[in-house]
Amino acid sequence: MWSWIPRHRGDFEHFHGNQAAKRFKLSQQVRFVMTKQKTHKSTKKRFRLTASGKVKHRKCGTSHLAISKPAKKIRQLRGTRVLEPSMTRAIVDALRGNSY
């Protein structure tokens, strides 16, 4: 490839002639493509979108050290919870439409 990238069409014409500049203009449309936006994988593992657009998540404090928590607390931590509406937009943006 080139050791330098021409910034303007005139720069390319100066070194390579008019025909090469036309080819460069056509190939330029293919070469400079935006990269795809990636899904935030840890967000995808922790949150799930419902059909109505709400965000569900698992309650924290259930993974370990349960012996020191009262039985009532452990019961209350079961299941999932709906995320606050103020945080929903950030999660939806991070998921980019890819949810389980």
Protein backbone atom coordinates (compact mmCIF):
# COMPACT_ATOMS: atom_id res chain seq x y z
CA MET A 1 0.00 0.00 0.00
CA TRP A 2 0.96 3.63 0.17
CA SER A 3 3.39 4.95 2.69
CA TRP A 4 1.28 8.10 2.90
CA ILE A 5 -2.45 8.73 2.56
CA PRO A 6 -3.39 11.65 0.29
CA ARG A 7 -5.66 14.10 2.07
CA HIS A 8 -7.04 15.82 -1.02
CA ARG A 9 -7.70 14.66 -4.56
CA GLY A 10 -5.25 17.27 -5.85
CA ASP A 11 -2.43 15.72 -3.83
CA PHE A 12 -3.02 12.36 -5.51
CA GLU A 13 -3.25 13.87 -9.03
CA HIS A 14 0.05 15.66 -8.52
CA PHE A 15 1.93 12.38 -7.98
CA HIS A 16 -0.09 9.80 -9.97
CA GLY A 17 -2.02 11.55 -12.77
CA ASN A 18 -5.72 12.12 -13.39
CA GLN A 19 -6.76 8.49 -14.15
CA ALA A 20 -5.25 7.23 -10.91
CA ALA A 21 -7.05 10.00 -9.03
CA LYS A 22 -10.39 8.81 -10.41
CA ARG A 23 -9.64 5.24 -9.33
CA PHE A 24 -8.62 6.51 -5.90
CA LYS A 25 -11.90 8.39 -5.57
CA LEU A 26 -13.88 5.20 -6.30
CA SER A 27 -11.81 2.98 -4.02
CA GLN A 28 -11.91 5.60 -1.27
CA GLN A 29 -15.63 4.97 -0.79
CA VAL A 30 -14.95 1.32 0.03
CA ARG A 31 -11.79 1.73 2.11
CA PHE A 32 -12.96 4.28 4.67
CA VAL A 33 -15.85 2.49 6.37
CA MET A 34 -16.91 3.16 9.95
CA THR A 35 -16.35 0.31 12.39
CA LYS A 36 -19.34 -1.45 13.92
CA GLN A 37 -20.47 -0.48 17.41
CA LYS A 38 -19.94 -3.39 19.79
CA THR A 39 -22.28 -4.59 22.52
CA HIS A 40 -21.01 -4.18 26.08
CA LYS A 41 -20.69 -7.87 27.00
CA SER A 42 -20.77 -7.56 30.80
CA THR A 43 -23.96 -5.50 30.52
CA LYS A 44 -25.47 -8.18 28.30
CA LYS A 45 -24.74 -10.82 30.96
CA ARG A 46 -26.25 -8.81 33.83
CA PHE A 47 -29.35 -7.18 32.33
CA ARG A 48 -32.29 -8.27 30.20
CA LEU A 49 -34.78 -6.13 28.29
CA THR A 50 -38.50 -6.89 28.54
CA ALA A 51 -40.91 -6.55 25.63
CA SER A 52 -42.25 -3.29 27.07
CA GLY A 53 -38.75 -1.78 27.26
CA LYS A 54 -38.08 -2.20 30.97
CA VAL A 55 -34.73 -3.53 32.20
CA LYS A 56 -34.61 -6.53 34.55
CA HIS A 57 -31.61 -7.42 36.71
CA ARG A 58 -30.67 -9.79 39.51
CA LYS A 59 -30.52 -8.37 43.00
CA CYS A 60 -27.08 -7.93 44.53
CA GLY A 61 -25.87 -9.70 47.66
CA THR A 62 -26.83 -13.27 46.72
CA SER A 63 -23.53 -14.74 45.49
CA HIS A 64 -21.71 -15.57 48.73
CA LEU A 65 -21.46 -14.77 52.47
CA ALA A 66 -25.12 -15.71 52.93
CA ILE A 67 -24.46 -17.29 56.33
CA SER A 68 -24.15 -13.85 57.91
CA LYS A 69 -27.45 -12.61 56.45
CA PRO A 70 -30.84 -13.23 58.07
CA ALA A 71 -33.21 -15.70 56.37
CA LYS A 72 -35.69 -12.88 55.71
CA LYS A 73 -33.01 -10.94 53.79
CA ILE A 74 -32.09 -13.98 51.68
CA ARG A 75 -35.77 -14.55 50.83
CA GLN A 76 -36.19 -10.92 49.80
CA LEU A 77 -33.13 -11.11 47.52
CA ARG A 78 -34.61 -13.93 45.41
CA GLY A 79 -35.77 -13.31 41.86
CA THR A 80 -35.24 -10.28 39.69
CA ARG A 81 -35.98 -6.60 40.00
CA VAL A 82 -36.88 -3.90 37.45
CA LEU A 83 -34.27 -1.19 37.05
CA GLU A 84 -35.04 2.45 37.84
CA PRO A 85 -36.23 4.41 34.76
CA SER A 86 -33.39 6.92 35.14
CA MET A 87 -30.79 4.20 34.47
CA THR A 88 -32.70 2.43 31.71
CA ARG A 89 -31.42 4.63 28.87
CA ALA A 90 -27.74 3.95 29.71
CA ILE A 91 -28.29 0.17 29.77
CA VAL A 92 -30.22 0.19 26.48
CA ASP A 93 -27.42 2.19 24.84
CA ALA A 94 -24.78 -0.25 26.10
CA LEU A 95 -26.76 -3.26 24.84
CA ARG A 96 -27.28 -1.72 21.37
CA GLY A 97 -30.33 -3.89 20.73
CA ASN A 98 -28.65 -7.19 21.71
CA SER A 99 -30.31 -8.70 24.76
CA TYR A 100 -31.20 -12.26 25.73
